Amino acid sequence: MQAVQAFIETQGGPEVIDWREVTLGEPGPGEVLLRHTAIGLNYLDTYHRDGTYPVELPSGLGVESAGEVVAVGEHVHGLQPGDRVATFGPDRNAYSSARILPAASLFKLPAAIDDETAAAALLKACTVEMLVERCAKVEAGFGLSWSTPPRAGSG
């Protein structure tokens, strides 16, 4: 399958992004060939591009995507061609029309969630979970009150 992917060979401004046509092989054991229908854009991507967060070069860009499974490699269970899925990694090649990635990094999408929402929300949702559950450990009574306010004239 042919795919168009964004690459950077040096870090800098948007002008360092190079779009290339590549030939993707067949997925290997535990891998899936994914055709993207939507990708998520994150400020983190600019940090990878400009070197704020150094990455090994050359590198792709982008971590979030949604799309359709085209092919599965050996030992892939629970996914089949035609399935709608989303991912937020583990590589930086979401800025592409298709890519091969580990099946374990994919989430099946329910019909109620469109591809654009899924591609835009996964990394943000994981960030929120990490901040709320692991950093601040937000609990009842912490900054917000969920009690019902008194009604006017009730006291």
C-alpha atoms as a PDB file:
ATOM      1  CA  MET A   1       0.000   0.000   0.000  1.00  0.00           C
ATOM      2  CA  GLN A   2       1.235   3.500  -0.807  1.00  0.00           C
ATOM      3  CA  ALA A   3       1.011   6.160   1.886  1.00  0.00           C
ATOM      4  CA  VAL A   4       1.929   9.815   2.275  1.00  0.00           C
ATOM      5  CA  GLN A   5       3.743  10.555   5.539  1.00  0.00           C
ATOM      6  CA  ALA A   6       5.239  13.659   7.148  1.00  0.00           C
ATOM      7  CA  PHE A   7       8.938  13.406   8.076  1.00  0.00           C
ATOM      8  CA  ILE A   8      11.459  15.713   9.630  1.00  0.00           C
ATOM      9  CA  GLU A   9      15.215  15.272   9.227  1.00  0.00           C
ATOM     10  CA  THR A  10      16.111  18.368  11.206  1.00  0.00           C
ATOM     11  CA  GLN A  11      14.280  20.363  13.828  1.00  0.00           C
ATOM     12  CA  GLY A  12      12.905  23.844  13.284  1.00  0.00           C
ATOM     13  CA  GLY A  13       9.820  25.635  12.024  1.00  0.00           C
ATOM     14  CA  PRO A  14       7.045  24.233   9.844  1.00  0.00           C
ATOM     15  CA  GLU A  15       9.338  24.508   6.817  1.00  0.00           C
ATOM     16  CA  VAL A  16      11.306  21.428   7.999  1.00  0.00           C
ATOM     17  CA  ILE A  17       8.318  19.132   7.404  1.00  0.00           C
ATOM     18  CA  ASP A  18       8.829  16.991   4.314  1.00  0.00           C
ATOM     19  CA  TRP A  19       5.956  14.980   2.847  1.00  0.00           C
ATOM     20  CA  ARG A  20       7.002  11.691   1.275  1.00  0.00           C
ATOM     21  CA  GLU A  21       5.289   8.860  -0.495  1.00  0.00           C
ATOM     22  CA  VAL A  22       6.265   5.529   1.025  1.00  0.00           C
ATOM     23  CA  THR A  23       5.426   1.907   0.332  1.00  0.00           C
ATOM     24  CA  LEU A  24       4.092   0.072   3.350  1.00  0.00           C
ATOM     25  CA  GLY A  25       4.636  -3.664   3.496  1.00  0.00           C
ATOM     26  CA  GLU A  26       2.401  -6.216   5.109  1.00  0.00           C
ATOM     27  CA  PRO A  27       1.886  -6.022   8.873  1.00  0.00           C
ATOM     28  CA  GLY A  28       4.128  -8.365  10.841  1.00  0.00           C
ATOM     29  CA  PRO A  29       3.188 -10.521  13.814  1.00  0.00           C
ATOM     30  CA  GLY A  30       1.081  -8.496  16.268  1.00  0.00           C
ATOM     31  CA  GLU A  31       0.791  -5.568  13.838  1.00  0.00           C
ATOM     32  CA  VAL A  32      -2.017  -3.887  11.900  1.00  0.00           C
ATOM     33  CA  LEU A  33      -2.052  -1.853   8.692  1.00  0.00           C
ATOM     34  CA  LEU A  34      -4.238   1.186   9.437  1.00  0.00           C
ATOM     35  CA  ARG A  35      -5.667   3.595   6.837  1.00  0.00           C
ATOM     36  CA  HIS A  36      -6.197   6.953   8.520  1.00  0.00           C
ATOM     37  CA  THR A  37      -9.492   8.773   8.217  1.00  0.00           C
ATOM     38  CA  ALA A  38      -8.660  11.455  10.820  1.00  0.00           C
ATOM     39  CA  ILE A  39      -5.596  12.600  12.746  1.00  0.00           C
ATOM     40  CA  GLY A  40      -5.281  14.614  15.929  1.00  0.00           C
ATOM     41  CA  LEU A  41      -3.190  17.776  16.005  1.00  0.00           C
ATOM     42  CA  ASN A  42      -1.484  18.527  19.299  1.00  0.00           C
ATOM     43  CA  TYR A  43       0.775  21.286  20.545  1.00  0.00           C
ATOM     44  CA  LEU A  44       3.146  18.477  21.547  1.00  0.00           C
ATOM     45  CA  ASP A  45       3.727  17.882  17.829  1.00  0.00           C
ATOM     46  CA  THR A  46       5.296  21.344  17.494  1.00  0.00           C
ATOM     47  CA  TYR A  47       7.619  20.541  20.413  1.00  0.00           C
ATOM     48  CA  HIS A  48       8.799  17.405  18.609  1.00  0.00           C
ATOM     49  CA  ARG A  49       9.228  19.362  15.374  1.00  0.00           C
ATOM     50  CA  ASP A  50      11.099  22.348  16.869  1.00  0.00           C
ATOM     51  CA  GLY A  51      13.297  20.378  19.291  1.00  0.00           C
ATOM     52  CA  THR A  52      11.751  21.532  22.572  1.00  0.00           C
ATOM     53  CA  TYR A  53      11.319  17.794  23.198  1.00  0.00           C
ATOM     54  CA  PRO A  54      14.136  16.215  21.187  1.00  0.00           C
ATOM     55  CA  VAL A  55      13.281  13.163  19.097  1.00  0.00           C
ATOM     56  CA  GLU A  56      15.548  10.789  17.238  1.00  0.00           C
ATOM     57  CA  LEU A  57      15.870  11.991  13.645  1.00  0.00           C
ATOM     58  CA  PRO A  58      14.615  11.364  11.070  1.00  0.00           C
ATOM     59  CA  SER A  59      11.179  11.222  12.628  1.00  0.00           C
ATOM     60  CA  GLY A  60       7.538  11.239  11.719  1.00  0.00           C
ATOM     61  CA  LEU A  61       5.062  13.597  13.368  1.00  0.00           C
ATOM     62  CA  GLY A  62       1.810  13.180  15.247  1.00  0.00           C
ATOM     63  CA  VAL A  63       0.600  10.613  17.763  1.00  0.00           C
ATOM     64  CA  GLU A  64      -3.226  10.515  17.490  1.00  0.00           C
ATOM     65  CA  SER A  65      -5.224   8.965  14.674  1.00  0.00           C
ATOM     66  CA  ALA A  66      -8.380   7.093  13.801  1.00  0.00           C
ATOM     67  CA  GLY A  67      -9.129   4.966  10.815  1.00  0.00           C
ATOM     68  CA  GLU A  68      -9.944   1.610   9.330  1.00  0.00           C
ATOM     69  CA  VAL A  69      -7.996  -1.613   9.699  1.00  0.00           C
ATOM     70  CA  VAL A  70      -6.829  -2.698   6.238  1.00  0.00           C
ATOM     71  CA  ALA A  71      -4.872  -5.836   7.164  1.00  0.00           C
ATOM     72  CA  VAL A  72      -3.740  -7.695  10.284  1.00  0.00           C
ATOM     73  CA  GLY A  73      -0.588  -9.691  10.897  1.00  0.00           C
ATOM     74  CA  GLU A  74      -0.263 -13.066  12.535  1.00  0.00           C
ATOM     75  CA  HIS A  75      -1.235 -13.401  16.198  1.00  0.00           C
ATOM     76  CA  VAL A  76      -3.616 -10.417  16.061  1.00  0.00           C
ATOM     77  CA  HIS A  77      -6.861 -11.257  17.838  1.00  0.00           C
ATOM     78  CA  GLY A  78      -9.991  -9.143  18.159  1.00  0.00           C
ATOM     79  CA  LEU A  79      -9.282  -6.947  15.125  1.00  0.00           C
ATOM     80  CA  GLN A  80     -10.099  -7.560  11.482  1.00  0.00           C
ATOM     81  CA  PRO A  81     -10.106  -5.627   8.214  1.00  0.00           C
ATOM     82  CA  GLY A  82     -12.894  -3.067   8.207  1.00  0.00           C
ATOM     83  CA  ASP A  83     -12.825  -2.387  11.961  1.00  0.00           C
ATOM     84  CA  ARG A  84     -12.858   1.276  12.998  1.00  0.00           C
ATOM     85  CA  VAL A  85     -10.105   2.015  15.514  1.00  0.00           C
ATOM     86  CA  ALA A  86      -8.164   4.853  17.138  1.00  0.00           C
ATOM     87  CA  THR A  87      -4.707   5.175  18.704  1.00  0.00           C
ATOM     88  CA  PHE A  88      -2.416   7.689  20.383  1.00  0.00           C
ATOM     89  CA  GLY A  89       0.922   6.099  19.675  1.00  0.00           C
ATOM     90  CA  PRO A  90       3.294   4.557  20.269  1.00  0.00           C
ATOM     91  CA  ASP A  91       5.141   6.059  17.308  1.00  0.00           C
ATOM     92  CA  ARG A  92       5.116   9.550  15.809  1.00  0.00           C
ATOM     93  CA  ASN A  93       3.658   8.764  12.383  1.00  0.00           C
ATOM     94  CA  ALA A  94       0.054   9.894  12.674  1.00  0.00           C
ATOM     95  CA  TYR A  95       0.589  12.635  10.070  1.00  0.00           C
ATOM     96  CA  SER A  96       0.118  10.074   7.323  1.00  0.00           C
ATOM     97  CA  SER A  97      -2.513   8.512   5.144  1.00  0.00           C
ATOM     98  CA  ALA A  98      -1.666   5.034   6.496  1.00  0.00           C
ATOM     99  CA  ARG A  99       0.826   3.264   8.765  1.00  0.00           C
ATOM    100  CA  ILE A 100       1.696  -0.058  10.342  1.00  0.00           C
ATOM    101  CA  LEU A 101       1.567  -0.190  14.147  1.00  0.00           C
ATOM    102  CA  PRO A 102       1.155  -2.636  17.040  1.00  0.00           C
ATOM    103  CA  ALA A 103      -2.373  -4.015  17.333  1.00  0.00           C
ATOM    104  CA  ALA A 104      -2.117  -3.615  21.109  1.00  0.00           C
ATOM    105  CA  SER A 105      -2.058   0.183  20.693  1.00  0.00           C
ATOM    106  CA  LEU A 106      -5.476   0.298  19.011  1.00  0.00           C
ATOM    107  CA  PHE A 107      -8.915   0.882  20.530  1.00  0.00           C
ATOM    108  CA  LYS A 108     -12.057  -0.245  18.692  1.00  0.00           C
ATOM    109  CA  LEU A 109     -14.468   2.645  18.169  1.00  0.00           C
ATOM    110  CA  PRO A 110     -18.166   2.370  18.966  1.00  0.00           C
ATOM    111  CA  ALA A 111     -20.565   3.630  16.298  1.00  0.00           C
ATOM    112  CA  ALA A 112     -21.531   6.604  18.517  1.00  0.00           C
ATOM    113  CA  ILE A 113     -18.008   8.110  18.328  1.00  0.00           C
ATOM    114  CA  ASP A 114     -16.981   9.567  14.975  1.00  0.00           C
ATOM    115  CA  ASP A 115     -13.391   9.295  13.728  1.00  0.00           C
ATOM    116  CA  GLU A 116     -12.651  13.019  14.095  1.00  0.00           C
ATOM    117  CA  THR A 117     -13.679  13.065  17.766  1.00  0.00           C
ATOM    118  CA  ALA A 118     -11.698   9.910  18.519  1.00  0.00           C
ATOM    119  CA  ALA A 119      -8.556  11.197  16.791  1.00  0.00           C
ATOM    120  CA  ALA A 120      -8.747  14.500  18.639  1.00  0.00           C
ATOM    121  CA  ALA A 121      -9.610  13.227  22.109  1.00  0.00           C
ATOM    122  CA  LEU A 122      -7.472  10.233  23.122  1.00  0.00           C
ATOM    123  CA  LEU A 123      -4.263  11.993  24.154  1.00  0.00           C
ATOM    124  CA  LYS A 124      -6.216  14.742  25.913  1.00  0.00           C
ATOM    125  CA  ALA A 125      -8.329  12.187  27.784  1.00  0.00           C
ATOM    126  CA  CYS A 126      -5.220  10.340  28.954  1.00  0.00           C
ATOM    127  CA  THR A 127      -3.687  13.629  30.076  1.00  0.00           C
ATOM    128  CA  VAL A 128      -6.804  14.482  32.095  1.00  0.00           C
ATOM    129  CA  GLU A 129      -6.881  10.998  33.652  1.00  0.00           C
ATOM    130  CA  MET A 130      -3.228  11.298  34.641  1.00  0.00           C
ATOM    131  CA  LEU A 131      -3.676  14.750  36.175  1.00  0.00           C
ATOM    132  CA  VAL A 132      -6.920  13.943  38.023  1.00  0.00           C
ATOM    133  CA  GLU A 133      -6.089  10.431  39.179  1.00  0.00           C
ATOM    134  CA  ARG A 134      -2.310  10.426  39.582  1.00  0.00           C
ATOM    135  CA  CYS A 135      -1.120  13.983  40.200  1.00  0.00           C
ATOM    136  CA  ALA A 136      -3.869  15.780  42.122  1.00  0.00           C
ATOM    137  CA  LYS A 137      -6.006  12.810  43.177  1.00  0.00           C
ATOM    138  CA  VAL A 138      -9.183  14.840  42.950  1.00  0.00           C
ATOM    139  CA  GLU A 139     -11.766  13.664  45.462  1.00  0.00           C
ATOM    140  CA  ALA A 140     -15.173  14.759  46.691  1.00  0.00           C
ATOM    141  CA  GLY A 141     -14.931  18.057  48.553  1.00  0.00           C
ATOM    142  CA  PHE A 142     -11.696  19.005  46.805  1.00  0.00           C
ATOM    143  CA  GLY A 143     -12.329  22.458  45.377  1.00  0.00           C
ATOM    144  CA  LEU A 144     -15.816  21.726  44.079  1.00  0.00           C
ATOM    145  CA  SER A 145     -19.036  20.972  45.871  1.00  0.00           C
ATOM    146  CA  TRP A 146     -21.497  18.641  44.214  1.00  0.00           C
ATOM    147  CA  SER A 147     -24.259  19.326  46.760  1.00  0.00           C
ATOM    148  CA  THR A 148     -27.532  20.826  45.622  1.00  0.00           C
ATOM    149  CA  PRO A 149     -27.689  24.585  46.276  1.00  0.00           C
ATOM    150  CA  PRO A 150     -30.514  25.797  48.581  1.00  0.00           C
ATOM    151  CA  ARG A 151     -33.677  26.904  46.833  1.00  0.00           C
ATOM    152  CA  ALA A 152     -34.724  30.537  47.003  1.00  0.00           C
ATOM    153  CA  GLY A 153     -36.953  31.179  50.020  1.00  0.00           C
ATOM    154  CA  SER A 154     -36.094  27.869  51.698  1.00  0.00           C
ATOM    155  CA  GLY A 155     -34.602  29.190  54.776  1.00  0.00           C
END
